[in-house]
Amino acid sequence: MNIEKIMSKSVVIVEMDDSLKMVKEIFDNTRFHHLLVVESGKLFGVISDRDLLKALSPNIGTAAETTGEAATLNKRVHQIMTRKPVTLAPNAGIYDAIEIFNSYKISCIPVVDDERKPIGIISWRDILRALESNRGKHPNNANQQGRS
């Protein structure tokens, strides 16, 4: 099974100079956990909701917020993004994705075309969903259910 069949084609793209305030608004108002960072349409990085949480003070938006803490929202995406993310082509196999997840401490893999333009994203949850949906469909797997 190739990842094009199971990847999420809904991706949110931000630019390198977009503010963390904009990124925070996206994460606060959507169910996305990863944003793809592009420049001239090509993938340059990934920013996760965890990256944002690490960059911002927990006092943001509270009465305890200081001017300095509020100013961190003016930082730019390129200051906290993960650069040169590991990517896959849409025709890569599911086990290629599993190997990457096992080799790197990442929770998503951007899927890009030959020009490094993002066309999707795959998470470990997508892999688990695909494996579960195929459980029991193959004769060798039918007897494996329930075994640990």
C-alpha atoms as a PDB file:
ATOM      1  CA  MET A   1       0.000   0.000   0.000  1.00  0.00           C
ATOM      2  CA  ASN A   2       1.429   3.382  -0.891  1.00  0.00           C
ATOM      3  CA  ILE A   3       1.048   6.408   1.339  1.00  0.00           C
ATOM      4  CA  GLU A   4      -0.810   8.487  -1.235  1.00  0.00           C
ATOM      5  CA  LYS A   5      -3.861   6.348  -0.442  1.00  0.00           C
ATOM      6  CA  ILE A   6      -3.726   7.019   3.292  1.00  0.00           C
ATOM      7  CA  MET A   7      -2.125  10.459   3.618  1.00  0.00           C
ATOM      8  CA  SER A   8      -4.133  13.494   4.596  1.00  0.00           C
ATOM      9  CA  LYS A   9      -4.498  15.783   1.609  1.00  0.00           C
ATOM     10  CA  SER A  10      -5.753  18.609   3.832  1.00  0.00           C
ATOM     11  CA  VAL A  11      -2.697  20.565   4.872  1.00  0.00           C
ATOM     12  CA  VAL A  12      -2.268  24.057   6.223  1.00  0.00           C
ATOM     13  CA  ILE A  13       0.610  25.981   4.754  1.00  0.00           C
ATOM     14  CA  VAL A  14       2.326  28.991   6.310  1.00  0.00           C
ATOM     15  CA  GLU A  15       5.166  31.170   5.082  1.00  0.00           C
ATOM     16  CA  MET A  16       8.563  31.517   6.773  1.00  0.00           C
ATOM     17  CA  ASP A  17       7.880  35.108   7.874  1.00  0.00           C
ATOM     18  CA  ASP A  18       4.365  34.536   9.231  1.00  0.00           C
ATOM     19  CA  SER A  19       4.012  35.438  12.901  1.00  0.00           C
ATOM     20  CA  LEU A  20       3.617  33.011  15.771  1.00  0.00           C
ATOM     21  CA  LYS A  21       0.422  34.899  16.591  1.00  0.00           C
ATOM     22  CA  MET A  22      -1.030  33.709  13.268  1.00  0.00           C
ATOM     23  CA  VAL A  23       0.218  30.168  13.905  1.00  0.00           C
ATOM     24  CA  LYS A  24      -1.372  30.187  17.369  1.00  0.00           C
ATOM     25  CA  GLU A  25      -4.695  31.299  15.878  1.00  0.00           C
ATOM     26  CA  ILE A  26      -4.562  28.441  13.367  1.00  0.00           C
ATOM     27  CA  PHE A  27      -3.851  25.857  16.062  1.00  0.00           C
ATOM     28  CA  ASP A  28      -6.495  27.360  18.379  1.00  0.00           C
ATOM     29  CA  ASN A  29      -9.188  27.264  15.686  1.00  0.00           C
ATOM     30  CA  THR A  30      -8.501  24.023  13.798  1.00  0.00           C
ATOM     31  CA  ARG A  31      -7.793  20.396  14.548  1.00  0.00           C
ATOM     32  CA  PHE A  32      -4.424  20.492  12.799  1.00  0.00           C
ATOM     33  CA  HIS A  33      -1.283  19.659  14.790  1.00  0.00           C
ATOM     34  CA  HIS A  34       1.303  20.384  12.078  1.00  0.00           C
ATOM     35  CA  LEU A  35       1.735  23.227   9.620  1.00  0.00           C
ATOM     36  CA  LEU A  36       3.939  23.003   6.559  1.00  0.00           C
ATOM     37  CA  VAL A  37       6.281  25.936   6.033  1.00  0.00           C
ATOM     38  CA  VAL A  38       6.910  26.948   2.431  1.00  0.00           C
ATOM     39  CA  GLU A  39       8.814  29.535   0.511  1.00  0.00           C
ATOM     40  CA  SER A  40       7.961  30.035  -3.167  1.00  0.00           C
ATOM     41  CA  GLY A  41       5.681  26.998  -2.868  1.00  0.00           C
ATOM     42  CA  LYS A  42       8.489  24.627  -1.821  1.00  0.00           C
ATOM     43  CA  LEU A  43       8.672  22.915   1.548  1.00  0.00           C
ATOM     44  CA  PHE A  44      11.288  24.330   3.898  1.00  0.00           C
ATOM     45  CA  GLY A  45      10.045  23.244   7.307  1.00  0.00           C
ATOM     46  CA  VAL A  46       7.364  21.992   9.658  1.00  0.00           C
ATOM     47  CA  ILE A  47       5.967  23.633  12.758  1.00  0.00           C
ATOM     48  CA  SER A  48       3.973  21.603  15.261  1.00  0.00           C
ATOM     49  CA  ASP A  49       1.625  22.663  18.017  1.00  0.00           C
ATOM     50  CA  ARG A  50       4.306  21.380  20.434  1.00  0.00           C
ATOM     51  CA  ASP A  51       6.937  23.628  18.821  1.00  0.00           C
ATOM     52  CA  LEU A  52       4.617  26.573  19.441  1.00  0.00           C
ATOM     53  CA  LEU A  53       3.922  25.565  23.042  1.00  0.00           C
ATOM     54  CA  LYS A  54       7.668  25.394  23.737  1.00  0.00           C
ATOM     55  CA  ALA A  55       8.214  28.858  22.226  1.00  0.00           C
ATOM     56  CA  LEU A  56       5.408  30.638  24.101  1.00  0.00           C
ATOM     57  CA  SER A  57       4.985  31.380  27.770  1.00  0.00           C
ATOM     58  CA  PRO A  58       2.091  29.623  29.518  1.00  0.00           C
ATOM     59  CA  ASN A  59       1.046  33.108  30.700  1.00  0.00           C
ATOM     60  CA  ILE A  60       0.032  34.216  27.183  1.00  0.00           C
ATOM     61  CA  GLY A  61      -3.604  35.303  27.275  1.00  0.00           C
ATOM     62  CA  THR A  62      -3.786  35.411  31.077  1.00  0.00           C
ATOM     63  CA  ALA A  63      -3.697  38.253  33.590  1.00  0.00           C
ATOM     64  CA  ALA A  64      -0.107  37.242  34.426  1.00  0.00           C
ATOM     65  CA  GLU A  65       1.088  37.913  30.858  1.00  0.00           C
ATOM     66  CA  THR A  66       3.986  40.371  30.648  1.00  0.00           C
ATOM     67  CA  THR A  67       4.856  42.646  27.751  1.00  0.00           C
ATOM     68  CA  GLY A  68       7.903  40.515  26.972  1.00  0.00           C
ATOM     69  CA  GLU A  69       5.845  37.328  26.916  1.00  0.00           C
ATOM     70  CA  ALA A  70       3.265  38.921  24.631  1.00  0.00           C
ATOM     71  CA  ALA A  71       6.079  40.003  22.308  1.00  0.00           C
ATOM     72  CA  THR A  72       6.984  36.358  21.636  1.00  0.00           C
ATOM     73  CA  LEU A  73       3.856  36.233  19.469  1.00  0.00           C
ATOM     74  CA  ASN A  74       5.703  38.568  17.096  1.00  0.00           C
ATOM     75  CA  LYS A  75       8.421  35.992  16.441  1.00  0.00           C
ATOM     76  CA  ARG A  76       8.418  34.460  12.980  1.00  0.00           C
ATOM     77  CA  VAL A  77       7.771  30.873  11.937  1.00  0.00           C
ATOM     78  CA  HIS A  78      11.325  30.388  10.625  1.00  0.00           C
ATOM     79  CA  GLN A  79      12.649  31.057  14.154  1.00  0.00           C
ATOM     80  CA  ILE A  80      11.084  27.941  15.669  1.00  0.00           C
ATOM     81  CA  MET A  81      10.263  25.601  12.773  1.00  0.00           C
ATOM     82  CA  THR A  82      11.988  22.300  12.129  1.00  0.00           C
ATOM     83  CA  ARG A  83      14.167  22.837   9.069  1.00  0.00           C
ATOM     84  CA  LYS A  84      14.830  20.329   6.302  1.00  0.00           C
ATOM     85  CA  PRO A  85      12.087  17.912   7.357  1.00  0.00           C
ATOM     86  CA  VAL A  86      12.235  14.278   6.331  1.00  0.00           C
ATOM     87  CA  THR A  87       9.789  13.797   3.467  1.00  0.00           C
ATOM     88  CA  LEU A  88       8.314  11.049   1.342  1.00  0.00           C
ATOM     89  CA  ALA A  89       7.114  10.861  -2.238  1.00  0.00           C
ATOM     90  CA  PRO A  90       3.456   9.906  -2.749  1.00  0.00           C
ATOM     91  CA  ASN A  91       4.422   6.523  -4.205  1.00  0.00           C
ATOM     92  CA  ALA A  92       6.425   5.517  -1.092  1.00  0.00           C
ATOM     93  CA  GLY A  93       5.174   2.480   0.747  1.00  0.00           C
ATOM     94  CA  ILE A  94       3.619   2.346   4.182  1.00  0.00           C
ATOM     95  CA  TYR A  95       6.675   0.514   5.536  1.00  0.00           C
ATOM     96  CA  ASP A  96       8.904   3.345   4.269  1.00  0.00           C
ATOM     97  CA  ALA A  97       6.876   5.684   6.488  1.00  0.00           C
ATOM     98  CA  ILE A  98       7.076   3.277   9.437  1.00  0.00           C
ATOM     99  CA  GLU A  99      10.870   3.093   9.047  1.00  0.00           C
ATOM    100  CA  ILE A 100      11.088   6.893   9.166  1.00  0.00           C
ATOM    101  CA  PHE A 101       8.867   7.111  12.259  1.00  0.00           C
ATOM    102  CA  ASN A 102      11.055   4.505  13.955  1.00  0.00           C
ATOM    103  CA  SER A 103      14.303   6.257  12.964  1.00  0.00           C
ATOM    104  CA  TYR A 104      13.447   9.881  13.780  1.00  0.00           C
ATOM    105  CA  LYS A 105      11.671  11.588  16.663  1.00  0.00           C
ATOM    106  CA  ILE A 106       8.893  13.013  14.491  1.00  0.00           C
ATOM    107  CA  SER A 107       5.126  12.682  14.471  1.00  0.00           C
ATOM    108  CA  CYS A 108       4.388  13.568  10.852  1.00  0.00           C
ATOM    109  CA  ILE A 109       5.991  13.216   7.459  1.00  0.00           C
ATOM    110  CA  PRO A 110       5.243  15.756   4.723  1.00  0.00           C
ATOM    111  CA  VAL A 111       4.530  14.215   1.333  1.00  0.00           C
ATOM    112  CA  VAL A 112       6.019  16.219  -1.522  1.00  0.00           C
ATOM    113  CA  ASP A 113       6.159  16.032  -5.289  1.00  0.00           C
ATOM    114  CA  ASP A 114       9.341  16.032  -7.392  1.00  0.00           C
ATOM    115  CA  GLU A 115       9.656  19.814  -6.972  1.00  0.00           C
ATOM    116  CA  ARG A 116       9.338  19.615  -3.137  1.00  0.00           C
ATOM    117  CA  LYS A 117       5.849  21.106  -3.256  1.00  0.00           C
ATOM    118  CA  PRO A 118       3.677  19.733  -0.439  1.00  0.00           C
ATOM    119  CA  ILE A 119       0.789  17.545  -1.545  1.00  0.00           C
ATOM    120  CA  GLY A 120      -0.084  15.892   1.752  1.00  0.00           C
ATOM    121  CA  ILE A 121       1.026  14.802   5.180  1.00  0.00           C
ATOM    122  CA  ILE A 122       1.082  11.451   6.923  1.00  0.00           C
ATOM    123  CA  SER A 123       1.025  10.838  10.653  1.00  0.00           C
ATOM    124  CA  TRP A 124       1.534   7.694  12.657  1.00  0.00           C
ATOM    125  CA  ARG A 125      -2.239   7.748  13.290  1.00  0.00           C
ATOM    126  CA  ASP A 126      -2.842   7.472   9.529  1.00  0.00           C
ATOM    127  CA  ILE A 127      -0.593   4.393   9.484  1.00  0.00           C
ATOM    128  CA  LEU A 128      -2.421   2.793  12.407  1.00  0.00           C
ATOM    129  CA  ARG A 129      -5.817   3.462  10.783  1.00  0.00           C
ATOM    130  CA  ALA A 130      -4.639   1.876   7.530  1.00  0.00           C
ATOM    131  CA  LEU A 131      -3.233  -1.183   9.293  1.00  0.00           C
ATOM    132  CA  GLU A 132      -6.421  -1.655  11.285  1.00  0.00           C
ATOM    133  CA  SER A 133      -8.634  -1.291   8.226  1.00  0.00           C
ATOM    134  CA  ASN A 134      -6.633  -4.058   6.520  1.00  0.00           C
ATOM    135  CA  ARG A 135      -6.690  -6.367   9.554  1.00  0.00           C
ATOM    136  CA  GLY A 136      -8.340  -9.639   8.706  1.00  0.00           C
ATOM    137  CA  LYS A 137      -8.436  -8.936   4.949  1.00  0.00           C
ATOM    138  CA  HIS A 138      -5.442 -11.163   4.228  1.00  0.00           C
ATOM    139  CA  PRO A 139      -5.511 -14.918   4.961  1.00  0.00           C
ATOM    140  CA  ASN A 140      -2.224 -14.759   6.896  1.00  0.00           C
ATOM    141  CA  ASN A 141      -3.588 -12.060   9.185  1.00  0.00           C
ATOM    142  CA  ALA A 142      -6.959 -13.633   9.941  1.00  0.00           C
ATOM    143  CA  ASN A 143      -5.545 -15.917  12.630  1.00  0.00           C
ATOM    144  CA  GLN A 144      -3.295 -13.245  14.118  1.00  0.00           C
ATOM    145  CA  GLN A 145      -6.142 -11.270  15.690  1.00  0.00           C
ATOM    146  CA  GLY A 146      -6.161 -11.580  19.435  1.00  0.00           C
ATOM    147  CA  ARG A 147      -2.524 -12.745  19.663  1.00  0.00           C
ATOM    148  CA  SER A 148       0.049 -10.544  21.331  1.00  0.00           C
END
